């Protein structure tokens, strides 16, 4: 699929998709006329990237995490330096902090809805 279709299917502007490609987060092949061509799997990849960025992760860390997936990940992890591991641990601590903050916010919102008599409007708790 071309970049316009990937943009429509993911809701991510083409400019941002080009940036993701520059950052090594996604890859395209070039057709004979020079158009970018993306695979079907790139839809899910872009959605994952958007979610991770929305969670506060940098594109640099996202690239690192994507490199750690699958078979490549085992080799990458085996070559990981203490400095890189410390960066990952620091990012993990930040993620845990954001989760705690979001959990408190969720609980406050649920309590407010319950106090207002509209508890049924709150989404079901996830397991």
N, C-alpha and C. Protein backbone atom coordinates (compact mmCIF):
# COMPACT_ATOMS: atom_id res chain seq x y z
N UNK A 1 0.85 -1.17 0.00
CA UNK A 1 0.00 0.00 0.00
C UNK A 1 0.89 1.23 0.00
N UNK A 2 0.38 2.30 -0.54
CA UNK A 2 1.13 3.56 -0.58
C UNK A 2 0.96 4.32 0.72
N UNK A 3 1.76 5.34 0.88
CA UNK A 3 1.79 6.10 2.12
C UNK A 3 0.43 6.75 2.42
N UNK A 4 -0.29 7.19 1.41
CA UNK A 4 -1.61 7.79 1.63
C UNK A 4 -2.59 6.82 2.24
N UNK A 5 -2.56 5.58 1.76
CA UNK A 5 -3.47 4.57 2.31
C UNK A 5 -3.07 4.22 3.74
N UNK A 6 -1.77 4.09 4.00
CA UNK A 6 -1.31 3.81 5.36
C UNK A 6 -1.75 4.94 6.29
N UNK A 7 -1.66 6.15 5.82
CA UNK A 7 -2.12 7.30 6.60
C UNK A 7 -3.61 7.22 6.89
N UNK A 8 -4.40 6.93 5.87
CA UNK A 8 -5.86 6.82 6.08
C UNK A 8 -6.21 5.71 7.06
N UNK A 9 -5.54 4.58 6.95
CA UNK A 9 -5.88 3.42 7.78
C UNK A 9 -5.44 3.57 9.22
N UNK A 10 -4.41 4.38 9.45
CA UNK A 10 -3.89 4.54 10.81
C UNK A 10 -4.26 5.88 11.44
N UNK A 11 -4.67 6.83 10.62
CA UNK A 11 -4.96 8.17 11.13
C UNK A 11 -3.71 8.99 11.40
N UNK A 12 -2.58 8.52 10.91
CA UNK A 12 -1.30 9.21 11.12
C UNK A 12 -0.96 9.98 9.85
N UNK A 13 -0.68 11.28 9.95
CA UNK A 13 -0.36 12.07 8.76
C UNK A 13 0.86 11.51 8.01
N UNK A 14 0.86 11.71 6.70
CA UNK A 14 1.97 11.21 5.88
C UNK A 14 3.31 11.80 6.33
N UNK A 15 3.30 13.07 6.73
CA UNK A 15 4.52 13.70 7.21
C UNK A 15 5.12 12.93 8.38
N UNK A 16 4.24 12.48 9.30
CA UNK A 16 4.69 11.74 10.47
C UNK A 16 5.17 10.34 10.08
N UNK A 17 4.51 9.74 9.09
CA UNK A 17 4.96 8.42 8.62
C UNK A 17 6.36 8.52 8.02
N UNK A 18 6.63 9.59 7.28
CA UNK A 18 7.98 9.80 6.74
C UNK A 18 9.00 9.95 7.88
N UNK A 19 8.60 10.66 8.92
CA UNK A 19 9.47 10.82 10.09
C UNK A 19 9.76 9.47 10.74
N UNK A 20 8.72 8.65 10.90
CA UNK A 20 8.92 7.31 11.48
C UNK A 20 9.92 6.51 10.64
N UNK A 21 9.82 6.68 9.34
CA UNK A 21 10.75 5.97 8.46
C UNK A 21 12.18 6.51 8.63
N UNK A 22 12.32 7.82 8.73
CA UNK A 22 13.65 8.42 8.97
C UNK A 22 14.25 7.92 10.27
N UNK A 23 13.40 7.69 11.27
CA UNK A 23 13.86 7.24 12.58
C UNK A 23 14.10 5.73 12.63
N UNK A 24 13.81 5.02 11.55
CA UNK A 24 14.03 3.58 11.51
C UNK A 24 12.94 2.76 12.19
N UNK A 25 11.77 3.37 12.38
CA UNK A 25 10.67 2.67 13.05
C UNK A 25 9.85 1.84 12.08
N UNK A 26 9.74 2.29 10.85
CA UNK A 26 9.07 1.53 9.79
C UNK A 26 9.96 1.60 8.56
N UNK A 27 9.71 0.72 7.63
CA UNK A 27 10.49 0.71 6.39
C UNK A 27 9.55 0.53 5.22
N UNK A 28 9.89 1.17 4.13
CA UNK A 28 9.10 1.01 2.91
C UNK A 28 10.03 0.51 1.81
N UNK A 29 9.40 -0.02 0.81
CA UNK A 29 10.13 -0.35 -0.41
C UNK A 29 9.73 0.71 -1.42
N UNK A 30 10.60 0.95 -2.37
CA UNK A 30 10.28 1.93 -3.41
C UNK A 30 9.85 1.21 -4.68
N UNK A 31 8.74 1.67 -5.23
CA UNK A 31 8.29 1.11 -6.50
C UNK A 31 9.13 1.72 -7.63
N UNK A 32 8.92 1.24 -8.84
CA UNK A 32 9.70 1.72 -9.99
C UNK A 32 9.55 3.23 -10.18
N UNK A 33 8.39 3.77 -9.83
CA UNK A 33 8.17 5.21 -9.99
C UNK A 33 8.59 6.02 -8.75
N UNK A 34 9.19 5.34 -7.76
CA UNK A 34 9.71 6.02 -6.58
C UNK A 34 8.73 6.16 -5.43
N UNK A 35 7.50 5.69 -5.59
CA UNK A 35 6.53 5.77 -4.51
C UNK A 35 6.90 4.80 -3.40
N UNK A 36 6.62 5.23 -2.16
CA UNK A 36 6.82 4.34 -1.02
C UNK A 36 5.72 3.27 -1.02
N UNK A 37 6.11 2.04 -0.76
CA UNK A 37 5.15 0.94 -0.66
C UNK A 37 5.33 0.29 0.71
N UNK A 38 4.24 0.13 1.43
CA UNK A 38 4.26 -0.45 2.78
C UNK A 38 3.55 -1.78 2.80
N UNK A 39 3.94 -2.63 3.73
CA UNK A 39 3.32 -3.95 3.89
C UNK A 39 2.07 -3.82 4.76
N UNK A 40 1.22 -4.81 4.69
CA UNK A 40 0.00 -4.85 5.51
C UNK A 40 0.34 -4.78 7.00
N UNK A 41 1.42 -5.44 7.42
CA UNK A 41 1.83 -5.44 8.83
C UNK A 41 2.17 -4.05 9.35
N UNK A 42 2.49 -3.12 8.44
CA UNK A 42 2.86 -1.78 8.87
C UNK A 42 1.69 -1.03 9.52
N UNK A 43 0.46 -1.42 9.22
CA UNK A 43 -0.70 -0.79 9.86
C UNK A 43 -0.61 -1.02 11.37
N UNK A 44 -0.43 -2.27 11.78
CA UNK A 44 -0.32 -2.59 13.21
C UNK A 44 0.93 -1.96 13.81
N UNK A 45 2.02 -1.95 13.06
CA UNK A 45 3.26 -1.37 13.56
C UNK A 45 3.08 0.12 13.86
N UNK A 46 2.47 0.84 12.93
CA UNK A 46 2.24 2.28 13.13
C UNK A 46 1.31 2.51 14.31
N UNK A 47 0.28 1.68 14.45
CA UNK A 47 -0.62 1.82 15.60
C UNK A 47 0.13 1.58 16.91
N UNK A 48 1.02 0.60 16.92
CA UNK A 48 1.83 0.33 18.12
C UNK A 48 2.74 1.52 18.42
N UNK A 49 3.36 2.06 17.40
CA UNK A 49 4.25 3.22 17.58
C UNK A 49 3.47 4.38 18.17
N UNK A 50 2.28 4.66 17.63
CA UNK A 50 1.46 5.76 18.15
C UNK A 50 1.12 5.53 19.62
N UNK A 51 0.79 4.30 19.97
CA UNK A 51 0.48 3.99 21.36
C UNK A 51 1.67 4.21 22.28
N UNK A 52 2.84 3.80 21.83
CA UNK A 52 4.04 3.96 22.65
C UNK A 52 4.42 5.44 22.79
N UNK A 53 4.29 6.20 21.71
CA UNK A 53 4.55 7.63 21.79
C UNK A 53 3.53 8.29 22.71
N UNK A 54 2.27 7.86 22.60
CA UNK A 54 1.23 8.38 23.48
C UNK A 54 1.50 8.07 24.94
N UNK A 55 2.22 6.97 25.19
CA UNK A 55 2.58 6.60 26.56
C UNK A 55 3.82 7.35 27.03
N UNK A 56 4.37 8.19 26.16
CA UNK A 56 5.50 9.03 26.57
C UNK A 56 6.87 8.50 26.18
N UNK A 57 6.93 7.48 25.37
CA UNK A 57 8.24 6.95 24.98
C UNK A 57 8.81 7.73 23.80
N UNK A 58 10.12 7.81 23.75
CA UNK A 58 10.79 8.50 22.65
C UNK A 58 10.92 7.55 21.46
N UNK A 59 11.08 8.13 20.27
CA UNK A 59 11.25 7.29 19.09
C UNK A 59 12.53 6.48 19.19
N UNK A 60 13.52 7.01 19.84
CA UNK A 60 14.78 6.27 20.02
C UNK A 60 14.55 5.00 20.83
N UNK A 61 13.80 5.12 21.91
CA UNK A 61 13.52 3.94 22.74
C UNK A 61 12.57 2.98 22.00
N UNK A 62 11.62 3.51 21.28
CA UNK A 62 10.71 2.65 20.52
C UNK A 62 11.49 1.83 19.51
N UNK A 63 12.44 2.46 18.82
CA UNK A 63 13.28 1.72 17.87
C UNK A 63 14.03 0.62 18.59
N UNK A 64 14.56 0.93 19.76
CA UNK A 64 15.29 -0.07 20.54
C UNK A 64 14.37 -1.23 20.93
N UNK A 65 13.17 -0.92 21.38
CA UNK A 65 12.21 -1.96 21.77
C UNK A 65 11.81 -2.81 20.57
N UNK A 66 11.58 -2.16 19.44
CA UNK A 66 11.21 -2.92 18.24
C UNK A 66 12.35 -3.82 17.80
N UNK A 67 13.58 -3.37 17.99
CA UNK A 67 14.74 -4.21 17.65
C UNK A 67 14.86 -5.41 18.58
N UNK A 68 14.28 -5.32 19.76
CA UNK A 68 14.38 -6.40 20.74
C UNK A 68 13.32 -7.48 20.54
N UNK A 69 12.38 -7.27 19.62
CA UNK A 69 11.32 -8.24 19.40
C UNK A 69 11.83 -9.44 18.62
N UNK A 70 11.27 -10.60 18.91
CA UNK A 70 11.55 -11.81 18.14
C UNK A 70 12.97 -12.31 18.26
N UNK A 71 13.42 -13.00 17.24
CA UNK A 71 14.75 -13.62 17.23
C UNK A 71 15.83 -12.56 17.31
N UNK A 72 15.62 -11.44 16.60
CA UNK A 72 16.60 -10.36 16.66
C UNK A 72 16.79 -9.89 18.09
N UNK A 73 15.71 -9.89 18.85
CA UNK A 73 15.76 -9.41 20.22
C UNK A 73 16.69 -10.20 21.11
N UNK A 74 16.74 -11.51 20.92
CA UNK A 74 17.63 -12.34 21.72
C UNK A 74 19.07 -11.96 21.48
N UNK A 75 19.42 -11.76 20.22
CA UNK A 75 20.79 -11.37 19.88
C UNK A 75 21.09 -9.96 20.39
N UNK A 76 20.12 -9.06 20.23
CA UNK A 76 20.30 -7.68 20.68
C UNK A 76 20.48 -7.64 22.20
N UNK A 77 19.64 -8.37 22.93
CA UNK A 77 19.73 -8.38 24.38
C UNK A 77 21.07 -8.96 24.84
N UNK A 78 21.56 -9.97 24.15
CA UNK A 78 22.83 -10.59 24.53
C UNK A 78 23.98 -9.61 24.36
N UNK A 79 23.85 -8.64 23.48
CA UNK A 79 24.91 -7.67 23.23
C UNK A 79 24.69 -6.35 23.98
N UNK A 80 23.67 -6.31 24.79
CA UNK A 80 23.30 -5.09 25.49
C UNK A 80 24.38 -4.70 26.51
N UNK A 81 24.77 -3.42 26.48
CA UNK A 81 25.75 -2.92 27.45
C UNK A 81 25.03 -2.48 28.72
N UNK A 82 25.77 -2.31 29.77
CA UNK A 82 25.18 -1.85 31.03
C UNK A 82 24.58 -0.45 30.86
N UNK A 83 25.20 0.38 30.05
CA UNK A 83 24.70 1.73 29.82
C UNK A 83 23.32 1.68 29.16
N UNK A 84 23.18 0.85 28.15
CA UNK A 84 21.88 0.71 27.48
C UNK A 84 20.85 0.12 28.43
N UNK A 85 21.26 -0.90 29.19
CA UNK A 85 20.35 -1.51 30.16
C UNK A 85 19.89 -0.47 31.19
N UNK A 86 20.79 0.41 31.61
CA UNK A 86 20.43 1.46 32.56
C UNK A 86 19.41 2.42 31.95
N UNK A 87 19.57 2.73 30.66
CA UNK A 87 18.60 3.58 29.98
C UNK A 87 17.23 2.91 29.92
N UNK A 88 17.22 1.63 29.61
CA UNK A 88 15.96 0.88 29.55
C UNK A 88 15.32 0.84 30.94
N UNK A 89 16.12 0.61 31.97
CA UNK A 89 15.60 0.57 33.34
C UNK A 89 15.03 1.93 33.74
N UNK A 90 15.69 3.00 33.33
CA UNK A 90 15.19 4.34 33.63
C UNK A 90 13.86 4.60 32.92
N UNK A 91 13.76 4.17 31.68
CA UNK A 91 12.51 4.32 30.95
C UNK A 91 11.41 3.49 31.59
N UNK A 92 11.75 2.28 32.02
CA UNK A 92 10.78 1.42 32.70
C UNK A 92 10.26 2.09 33.96
N UNK A 93 11.14 2.72 34.72
CA UNK A 93 10.72 3.43 35.93
C UNK A 93 9.74 4.55 35.57
N UNK A 94 10.01 5.25 34.47
CA UNK A 94 9.11 6.31 34.02
C UNK A 94 7.75 5.76 33.62
N UNK A 95 7.75 4.62 32.94
CA UNK A 95 6.49 3.97 32.55
C UNK A 95 5.70 3.58 33.80
N UNK A 96 6.39 3.00 34.77
CA UNK A 96 5.72 2.61 36.02
C UNK A 96 5.13 3.83 36.72
N UNK A 97 5.85 4.96 36.72
CA UNK A 97 5.33 6.19 37.32
C UNK A 97 4.06 6.66 36.59
N UNK A 98 4.09 6.62 35.26
CA UNK A 98 2.92 7.05 34.48
C UNK A 98 1.74 6.12 34.73
N UNK A 99 2.00 4.82 34.85
CA UNK A 99 0.92 3.87 35.13
C UNK A 99 0.29 4.17 36.49
N UNK A 100 1.13 4.43 37.51
CA UNK A 100 0.59 4.76 38.83
C UNK A 100 -0.25 6.03 38.77
N UNK A 101 0.24 7.03 38.05
CA UNK A 101 -0.49 8.30 37.93
C UNK A 101 -1.82 8.08 37.20
N UNK A 102 -1.79 7.33 36.11
CA UNK A 102 -3.02 7.05 35.37
C UNK A 102 -4.00 6.23 36.21
N UNK A 103 -3.48 5.30 36.98
CA UNK A 103 -4.35 4.48 37.84
C UNK A 103 -5.05 5.35 38.89
N UNK A 104 -4.30 6.29 39.48
CA UNK A 104 -4.92 7.20 40.46
C UNK A 104 -5.99 8.06 39.78
N UNK A 105 -5.68 8.53 38.58
CA UNK A 105 -6.65 9.35 37.84
C UNK A 105 -7.89 8.53 37.52
N UNK A 106 -7.71 7.29 37.09
CA UNK A 106 -8.84 6.41 36.79
C UNK A 106 -9.70 6.22 38.03
N UNK A 107 -9.07 5.95 39.16
CA UNK A 107 -9.81 5.71 40.39
C UNK A 107 -10.59 6.96 40.82
N UNK A 108 -9.97 8.12 40.64
CA UNK A 108 -10.65 9.38 40.98
C UNK A 108 -11.87 9.59 40.09
N UNK A 109 -11.71 9.33 38.80
CA UNK A 109 -12.83 9.50 37.88
C UNK A 109 -13.96 8.51 38.18
N UNK A 110 -13.60 7.27 38.47
CA UNK A 110 -14.62 6.27 38.83
C UNK A 110 -15.37 6.71 40.09
N UNK A 111 -14.63 7.19 41.07
CA UNK A 111 -15.26 7.65 42.32
C UNK A 111 -16.19 8.82 42.07
N UNK A 112 -15.78 9.74 41.23
CA UNK A 112 -16.60 10.90 40.93
C UNK A 112 -17.89 10.48 40.24
N UNK A 113 -17.77 9.57 39.24
CA UNK A 113 -18.97 9.08 38.56
C UNK A 113 -19.91 8.37 39.54
N UNK A 114 -19.34 7.57 40.44
CA UNK A 114 -20.16 6.86 41.42
C UNK A 114 -20.85 7.85 42.35
N UNK A 115 -20.12 8.86 42.81
CA UNK A 115 -20.70 9.86 43.71
C UNK A 115 -21.79 10.66 43.02
N UNK A 116 -21.66 10.85 41.70
CA UNK A 116 -22.66 11.59 40.94
C UNK A 116 -23.85 10.72 40.54
N UNK A 117 -23.76 9.42 40.86
CA UNK A 117 -24.85 8.52 40.54
C UNK A 117 -24.82 7.98 39.12
N UNK A 118 -23.66 8.07 38.47
CA UNK A 118 -23.54 7.60 37.09
C UNK A 118 -22.45 6.54 36.94
N UNK A 119 -22.32 5.70 37.93
CA UNK A 119 -21.29 4.66 37.92
C UNK A 119 -21.38 3.77 36.68
N UNK A 120 -22.61 3.57 36.16
CA UNK A 120 -22.79 2.67 35.02
C UNK A 120 -22.14 3.26 33.73
N UNK A 121 -21.82 4.52 33.74
CA UNK A 121 -21.17 5.12 32.56
C UNK A 121 -19.67 4.83 32.50
N UNK A 122 -19.10 4.42 33.61
CA UNK A 122 -17.67 4.12 33.63
C UNK A 122 -17.40 2.82 32.87
N UNK A 123 -16.36 2.80 32.05
CA UNK A 123 -16.01 1.56 31.35
C UNK A 123 -15.72 0.46 32.35
N UNK A 124 -16.00 -0.77 31.95
CA UNK A 124 -15.73 -1.92 32.82
C UNK A 124 -14.24 -1.98 33.10
N UNK A 125 -13.90 -2.37 34.32
CA UNK A 125 -12.50 -2.52 34.71
C UNK A 125 -11.89 -3.66 33.91
N UNK A 126 -10.64 -3.45 33.44
CA UNK A 126 -9.96 -4.51 32.70
C UNK A 126 -9.20 -5.40 33.67
N UNK A 127 -9.06 -6.65 33.27
CA UNK A 127 -8.42 -7.63 34.16
C UNK A 127 -6.93 -7.52 34.14
